[in-house]
Amino acid sequence: MDKAHLLKIAHRLLKLESEAIKAAEDRLGEPFLQALSILEKCEGKVIVTGLGKSGIAAKKIAATLASTGEPALFMHSAEAVHGDMGVVSAGDVAICLSYSGETHELIELIPRFRLLGVPVIAMTGNMQSSLAELADCVLNVAVPSQPWPFGIIPTASNAITVAVGDALAVALLVSRGIREEDFALLHPGGLLGRRMLVRVGDLMHTGDALPIVKTDTGMRQVLMEMTAKRLGAACVVDEDRRLAGIITDGDLRRLLERTVNPLDMTAAEVMTGSPRTALAETLSVRALHDMEDHSITSLPVTDEDGRLRGLIHMHDILKLETGR
């Protein structure tokens, strides 16, 4: 088959899925807030259950909730009636996924949830279904039709379901006041944990590796200090070691463009005063965001009184991605 035609099919499918998710976004409102309120009051676990492709979406939602610190697990609807309901207890919340809303194995679970006092949040594409009628709260994940070519493959409906599940997880995370540090503790072995648990003080250059000059230091000596320390910057301090400014490679280039005798100047005349800084306790990922947002590559590290403690370069943080 013509490759261009196949690519066109793929584009069409993605467009239909994105339009379906946009439609779900437009429907978010009171039912979503009601579901969020139920989850906020959960004193136990969040049980996410479904069958088939909905079951796979349920696994993803459970995994996302767990990754944000919410106790959550996936329960296979068919296995639940054969003993797996033992994981459910009072204080839990159930999220039930069925696009048709008529999945027999899932509907059978609702009375058992009721006996345990477990609230049920339904995610379905059929608002007149048995599941919608029995649930405490219903989130509409309907699509006009499953995308071409066959109209029976749950593509767009699963995309909506997972997207709405993600929205619930993120809203719940914010509602519970989860901090970056808390989130990082749940991912200690990956890149996220390495970047978010490491603080500026763990990476900053100090002692003999720190490029530091006084306000009255001549530019010839400043150049020698910057060349020797090879960090592309020099921190300028006063007599009490309080940070007065910073001189970067960019400052030097601009100085050469506008000054006839730059070596006759002092650090105080060339530096950028009141530069952005970080504390040693600052998370490295926050320092990186600050540097990216302000198009800089280095941050002086000071204490609460403004005294210089070190310097961190963007590359020091980016190295965490490769572990080198």
Protein backbone atom coordinates (compact mmCIF):
# COMPACT_ATOMS: atom_id res chain seq x y z
CA MET A 1 0.00 0.00 0.00
CA ASP A 2 1.11 3.56 -0.66
CA LYS A 3 3.20 4.76 2.32
CA ALA A 4 1.86 8.31 1.99
CA HIS A 5 -1.66 6.93 2.36
CA LEU A 6 -0.71 4.99 5.48
CA LEU A 7 0.84 8.10 6.98
CA LYS A 8 -2.36 9.99 6.20
CA ILE A 9 -4.34 7.34 8.06
CA ALA A 10 -2.08 7.72 11.10
CA HIS A 11 -2.46 11.51 11.01
CA ARG A 12 -6.23 11.15 10.79
CA LEU A 13 -6.35 8.80 13.77
CA LEU A 14 -4.27 11.11 15.95
CA LYS A 15 -6.43 14.05 14.94
CA LEU A 16 -9.60 12.18 15.87
CA GLU A 17 -8.13 11.15 19.23
CA SER A 18 -7.00 14.69 20.03
CA GLU A 19 -10.47 16.01 19.14
CA ALA A 20 -12.02 13.37 21.39
CA ILE A 21 -9.82 14.40 24.31
CA LYS A 22 -10.72 18.06 23.67
CA ALA A 23 -14.39 17.10 23.85
CA ALA A 24 -13.74 15.39 27.20
CA GLU A 25 -11.97 18.54 28.41
CA ASP A 26 -15.03 20.62 27.53
CA ARG A 27 -17.22 18.23 29.58
CA LEU A 28 -15.15 18.49 32.75
CA GLY A 29 -17.14 20.21 35.44
CA GLU A 30 -19.15 19.30 38.51
CA PRO A 31 -18.85 15.48 38.04
CA PHE A 32 -15.06 15.81 37.92
CA LEU A 33 -15.04 17.92 41.10
CA GLN A 34 -17.37 15.40 42.74
CA ALA A 35 -15.01 12.54 41.87
CA LEU A 36 -12.07 14.56 43.19
CA SER A 37 -13.94 15.21 46.45
CA ILE A 38 -14.60 11.47 46.87
CA LEU A 39 -10.90 10.72 46.34
CA GLU A 40 -9.83 13.46 48.75
CA LYS A 41 -11.90 11.80 51.49
CA CYS A 42 -10.46 8.36 50.78
CA GLU A 43 -8.92 6.93 53.95
CA GLY A 44 -7.81 3.68 52.37
CA LYS A 45 -6.85 2.60 48.87
CA VAL A 46 -8.09 3.52 45.43
CA ILE A 47 -9.19 0.35 43.65
CA VAL A 48 -9.24 0.77 39.86
CA THR A 49 -10.99 -2.01 37.97
CA GLY A 50 -11.96 -2.93 34.43
CA LEU A 51 -11.80 -5.64 31.75
CA GLY A 52 -10.13 -5.86 28.34
CA LYS A 53 -8.83 -2.57 26.97
CA SER A 54 -10.61 -0.75 29.79
CA GLY A 55 -8.64 -2.98 32.16
CA ILE A 56 -5.40 -1.84 30.58
CA ALA A 57 -6.50 1.78 30.99
CA ALA A 58 -7.37 0.96 34.62
CA LYS A 59 -3.84 -0.36 35.19
CA LYS A 60 -2.41 2.90 33.84
CA ILE A 61 -4.64 5.04 36.07
CA ALA A 62 -3.79 2.97 39.13
CA ALA A 63 -0.07 3.24 38.34
CA THR A 64 -0.32 7.01 37.88
CA LEU A 65 -2.14 7.44 41.18
CA ALA A 66 0.42 5.28 42.97
CA SER A 67 3.29 7.27 41.46
CA THR A 68 1.86 10.44 42.98
CA GLY A 69 1.74 8.94 46.46
CA GLU A 70 -1.91 7.84 46.43
CA PRO A 71 -2.29 4.20 47.62
CA ALA A 72 -3.83 2.61 44.53
CA LEU A 73 -3.98 -0.76 42.83
CA PHE A 74 -5.54 -2.42 39.81
CA MET A 75 -8.10 -5.16 40.36
CA HIS A 76 -9.15 -7.39 37.45
CA SER A 77 -12.96 -7.35 37.36
CA ALA A 78 -13.32 -11.02 36.43
CA GLU A 79 -10.83 -12.19 39.07
CA ALA A 80 -12.47 -10.00 41.71
CA VAL A 81 -15.56 -12.20 41.96
CA HIS A 82 -13.30 -15.22 42.45
CA GLY A 83 -11.46 -13.95 45.50
CA ASP A 84 -9.61 -10.77 44.55
CA MET A 85 -12.30 -8.67 46.28
CA GLY A 86 -10.36 -9.56 49.41
CA VAL A 87 -8.09 -6.58 48.76
CA VAL A 88 -11.06 -4.20 49.15
CA SER A 89 -11.92 -2.85 52.58
CA ALA A 90 -13.95 -0.10 54.22
CA GLY A 91 -12.42 3.31 53.59
CA ASP A 92 -11.42 2.48 50.01
CA VAL A 93 -12.72 4.14 46.84
CA ALA A 94 -13.47 2.23 43.62
CA ILE A 95 -12.96 3.61 40.11
CA CYS A 96 -14.83 1.38 37.64
CA LEU A 97 -14.06 1.52 33.91
CA SER A 98 -16.41 0.23 31.23
CA TYR A 99 -17.05 2.10 28.01
CA SER A 100 -20.37 0.35 27.41
CA GLY A 101 -21.26 0.54 31.08
CA GLU A 102 -22.74 -2.95 30.80
CA THR A 103 -19.71 -5.19 31.45
CA HIS A 104 -21.34 -8.02 33.40
CA GLU A 105 -18.34 -8.86 35.60
CA LEU A 106 -17.96 -5.21 36.57
CA ILE A 107 -21.64 -4.64 37.33
CA GLU A 108 -21.55 -7.65 39.67
CA LEU A 109 -18.97 -5.87 41.82
CA ILE A 110 -21.11 -2.82 42.61
CA PRO A 111 -23.31 -4.50 45.30
CA ARG A 112 -20.16 -5.84 46.96
CA PHE A 113 -18.65 -2.35 47.04
CA ARG A 114 -21.92 -1.11 48.53
CA LEU A 115 -21.80 -3.70 51.34
CA LEU A 116 -18.34 -2.42 52.27
CA GLY A 117 -19.38 1.22 52.09
CA VAL A 118 -16.97 1.85 49.22
CA PRO A 119 -17.95 4.82 46.98
CA VAL A 120 -17.92 4.08 43.24
CA ILE A 121 -16.64 6.48 40.58
CA ALA A 122 -17.64 5.30 37.10
CA MET A 123 -15.85 6.15 33.85
CA THR A 124 -18.09 5.21 30.95
CA GLY A 125 -19.17 6.29 27.50
CA ASN A 126 -22.81 5.40 28.14
CA MET A 127 -24.49 7.76 30.59
CA GLN A 128 -27.70 5.66 30.48
CA SER A 129 -25.91 2.41 31.33
CA SER A 130 -26.28 0.20 34.38
CA LEU A 131 -22.87 1.30 35.63
CA ALA A 132 -23.79 4.98 35.35
CA GLU A 133 -27.02 4.34 37.23
CA LEU A 134 -25.36 2.44 40.06
CA ALA A 135 -22.30 4.66 40.59
CA ASP A 136 -21.99 7.51 43.08
CA CYS A 137 -20.31 9.67 40.47
CA VAL A 138 -20.04 9.32 36.68
CA LEU A 139 -17.34 10.71 34.40
CA ASN A 140 -18.38 10.81 30.76
CA VAL A 141 -15.66 9.47 28.43
CA ALA A 142 -17.88 9.11 25.39
CA VAL A 143 -16.73 9.64 21.81
CA PRO A 144 -19.11 10.09 18.85
CA SER A 145 -17.68 6.91 17.31
CA GLN A 146 -14.48 4.93 17.47
CA PRO A 147 -12.16 6.21 14.73
CA TRP A 148 -12.00 4.67 11.28
CA PRO A 149 -11.17 2.18 9.76
CA PHE A 150 -13.27 -0.35 11.69
CA GLY A 151 -15.05 1.67 14.32
CA ILE A 152 -14.72 -1.10 16.88
CA ILE A 153 -11.15 -0.71 18.14
CA PRO A 154 -11.15 1.23 21.44
CA THR A 155 -8.61 3.86 20.49
CA ALA A 156 -10.14 7.28 21.15
CA SER A 157 -12.23 6.03 24.08
CA ASN A 158 -9.15 4.60 25.80
CA ALA A 159 -7.23 7.79 25.08
CA ILE A 160 -9.97 9.85 26.77
CA THR A 161 -10.19 7.46 29.72
CA VAL A 162 -6.46 7.57 30.40
CA ALA A 163 -6.37 11.36 29.94
CA VAL A 164 -9.22 11.92 32.41
CA GLY A 165 -7.52 9.53 34.83
CA ASP A 166 -4.32 11.56 34.53
CA ALA A 167 -6.30 14.74 35.19
CA LEU A 168 -7.76 13.21 38.36
CA ALA A 169 -4.33 12.11 39.57
CA VAL A 170 -2.71 15.49 39.01
CA ALA A 171 -5.60 17.43 40.54
CA LEU A 172 -5.51 15.13 43.56
CA LEU A 173 -1.74 15.56 43.88
CA VAL A 174 -2.12 19.36 43.94
CA SER A 175 -5.10 19.17 46.30
CA ARG A 176 -3.10 17.08 48.77
CA GLY A 177 -0.19 19.54 48.66
CA ILE A 178 2.35 16.98 47.46
CA ARG A 179 5.78 18.64 47.14
CA GLU A 180 8.50 17.97 44.62
CA GLU A 181 10.54 16.28 47.36
CA ASP A 182 7.65 13.95 48.22
CA PHE A 183 7.18 13.04 44.56
CA ALA A 184 10.90 12.37 44.12
CA LEU A 185 10.95 9.96 47.06
CA LEU A 186 8.55 7.73 45.11
CA HIS A 187 11.03 7.50 42.20
CA PRO A 188 14.42 6.99 43.89
CA GLY A 189 15.91 4.81 41.20
CA GLY A 190 15.25 6.89 38.12
CA LEU A 191 16.32 10.15 36.59
CA LEU A 192 13.49 11.98 38.33
CA GLY A 193 14.71 10.91 41.75
CA ARG A 194 18.32 11.74 40.99
CA ARG A 195 17.49 15.22 39.76
CA MET A 196 14.86 16.08 42.35
CA LEU A 197 16.48 14.72 45.50
CA VAL A 198 19.88 16.28 44.80
CA ARG A 199 20.32 19.78 46.17
CA VAL A 200 22.48 22.62 44.93
CA GLY A 201 24.87 22.20 47.84
CA ASP A 202 25.64 18.65 46.69
CA LEU A 203 26.83 19.86 43.27
CA MET A 204 28.23 23.37 43.73
CA HIS A 205 31.88 24.27 43.21
CA THR A 206 33.61 25.42 46.40
CA GLY A 207 37.08 26.06 47.82
CA ASP A 208 39.90 26.19 45.29
CA ALA A 209 37.48 25.30 42.47
CA LEU A 210 35.38 28.41 43.07
CA PRO A 211 36.19 31.39 40.79
CA ILE A 212 36.10 34.36 43.14
CA VAL A 213 37.44 37.93 42.92
CA LYS A 214 37.08 41.13 44.92
CA THR A 215 35.26 44.21 43.70
CA ASP A 216 38.55 46.07 43.22
CA THR A 217 40.30 43.23 41.38
CA GLY A 218 41.69 44.31 38.01
CA MET A 219 40.27 42.71 34.90
CA ARG A 220 43.59 41.09 33.99
CA GLN A 221 43.45 39.12 37.24
CA VAL A 222 39.73 38.40 36.70
CA LEU A 223 40.54 36.87 33.31
CA MET A 224 43.25 34.72 34.86
CA GLU A 225 40.84 33.49 37.57
CA MET A 226 38.11 32.65 35.05
CA THR A 227 40.58 30.84 32.79
CA ALA A 228 42.02 28.82 35.67
CA LYS A 229 38.64 27.72 37.09
CA ARG A 230 37.02 27.06 33.68
CA LEU A 231 33.43 27.65 34.73
CA GLY A 232 32.71 30.55 32.42
CA ALA A 233 32.12 32.96 35.29
CA ALA A 234 33.66 34.65 38.31
CA CYS A 235 31.83 35.65 41.48
CA VAL A 236 32.56 39.15 42.73
CA VAL A 237 32.51 39.68 46.51
CA ASP A 238 33.11 42.54 48.94
CA GLU A 239 35.44 42.52 51.93
CA ASP A 240 32.94 40.51 53.98
CA ARG A 241 32.57 37.89 51.21
CA ARG A 242 29.06 39.08 50.43
CA LEU A 243 28.15 38.60 46.81
CA ALA A 244 28.30 41.88 44.89
CA GLY A 245 27.90 40.54 41.36
CA ILE A 246 29.02 38.08 38.71
CA ILE A 247 31.15 38.32 35.59
CA THR A 248 30.45 35.82 32.81
CA ASP A 249 31.98 35.03 29.45
CA GLY A 250 29.09 36.95 27.92
CA ASP A 251 29.97 40.02 29.98
CA LEU A 252 33.54 39.81 28.67
CA ARG A 253 32.40 39.66 25.04
CA ARG A 254 30.15 42.68 25.49
CA LEU A 255 32.96 44.51 27.28
CA LEU A 256 35.34 43.98 24.36
CA GLU A 257 32.72 45.31 21.95
CA ARG A 258 32.20 48.60 23.78
CA THR A 259 35.50 49.33 25.59
CA VAL A 260 38.90 50.32 24.22
CA ASN A 261 40.97 49.36 27.27
CA PRO A 262 39.00 46.71 29.20
CA LEU A 263 42.02 45.54 31.18
CA ASP A 264 42.20 48.95 32.87
CA MET A 265 38.83 48.36 34.53
CA THR A 266 37.97 46.65 37.83
CA ALA A 267 35.59 43.78 38.52
CA ALA A 268 33.06 46.19 40.05
CA GLU A 269 32.92 48.18 36.82
CA VAL A 270 32.25 45.13 34.66
CA MET A 271 30.14 42.83 36.82
CA THR A 272 26.41 42.28 36.64
CA GLY A 273 25.18 43.45 40.02
CA SER A 274 22.49 41.69 42.07
CA PRO A 275 22.63 38.45 40.06
CA ARG A 276 20.19 35.59 40.52
CA THR A 277 21.35 33.23 43.24
CA ALA A 278 20.44 29.95 44.90
CA LEU A 279 20.71 28.59 48.42
CA ALA A 280 22.59 25.37 49.09
CA GLU A 281 19.29 23.81 50.19
CA THR A 282 17.60 24.57 46.86
CA LEU A 283 16.61 21.50 44.84
CA SER A 284 18.86 21.15 41.80
CA VAL A 285 15.87 20.82 39.49
CA ARG A 286 14.58 24.21 40.67
CA ALA A 287 17.97 25.79 40.08
CA LEU A 288 17.99 24.32 36.57
CA HIS A 289 14.53 25.74 35.84
CA ASP A 290 15.68 29.14 37.08
CA MET A 291 18.69 29.08 34.77
CA GLU A 292 16.60 27.97 31.80
CA ASP A 293 13.93 30.60 32.46
CA HIS A 294 16.47 33.43 32.58
CA SER A 295 18.86 32.12 29.89
CA ILE A 296 21.86 31.87 32.21
CA THR A 297 24.26 29.00 32.79
CA SER A 298 25.58 29.67 36.31
CA LEU A 299 24.15 30.57 39.70
CA PRO A 300 26.19 31.84 42.66
CA VAL A 301 25.22 30.01 45.84
CA THR A 302 24.89 32.17 48.95
CA ASP A 303 23.74 31.82 52.54
CA GLU A 304 20.77 33.70 53.97
CA ASP A 305 23.00 36.75 54.63
CA GLY A 306 24.23 36.91 51.04
CA ARG A 307 27.69 35.51 51.70
CA LEU A 308 29.12 33.45 48.87
CA ARG A 309 29.28 29.70 49.45
CA GLY A 310 29.78 28.32 45.96
CA LEU A 311 28.80 28.34 42.29
CA ILE A 312 26.68 25.86 40.35
CA HIS A 313 26.78 25.48 36.58
CA MET A 314 23.93 24.16 34.44
CA HIS A 315 26.15 21.31 33.22
CA ASP A 316 26.59 20.11 36.81
CA ILE A 317 22.86 19.39 36.95
CA LEU A 318 22.50 18.06 33.42
CA LYS A 319 25.21 15.48 34.16
CA LEU A 320 22.71 13.84 36.51
CA GLU A 321 20.74 12.71 33.45
CA THR A 322 23.58 10.52 32.24
CA GLY A 323 25.00 9.66 35.65
CA ARG A 324 28.39 10.95 34.60
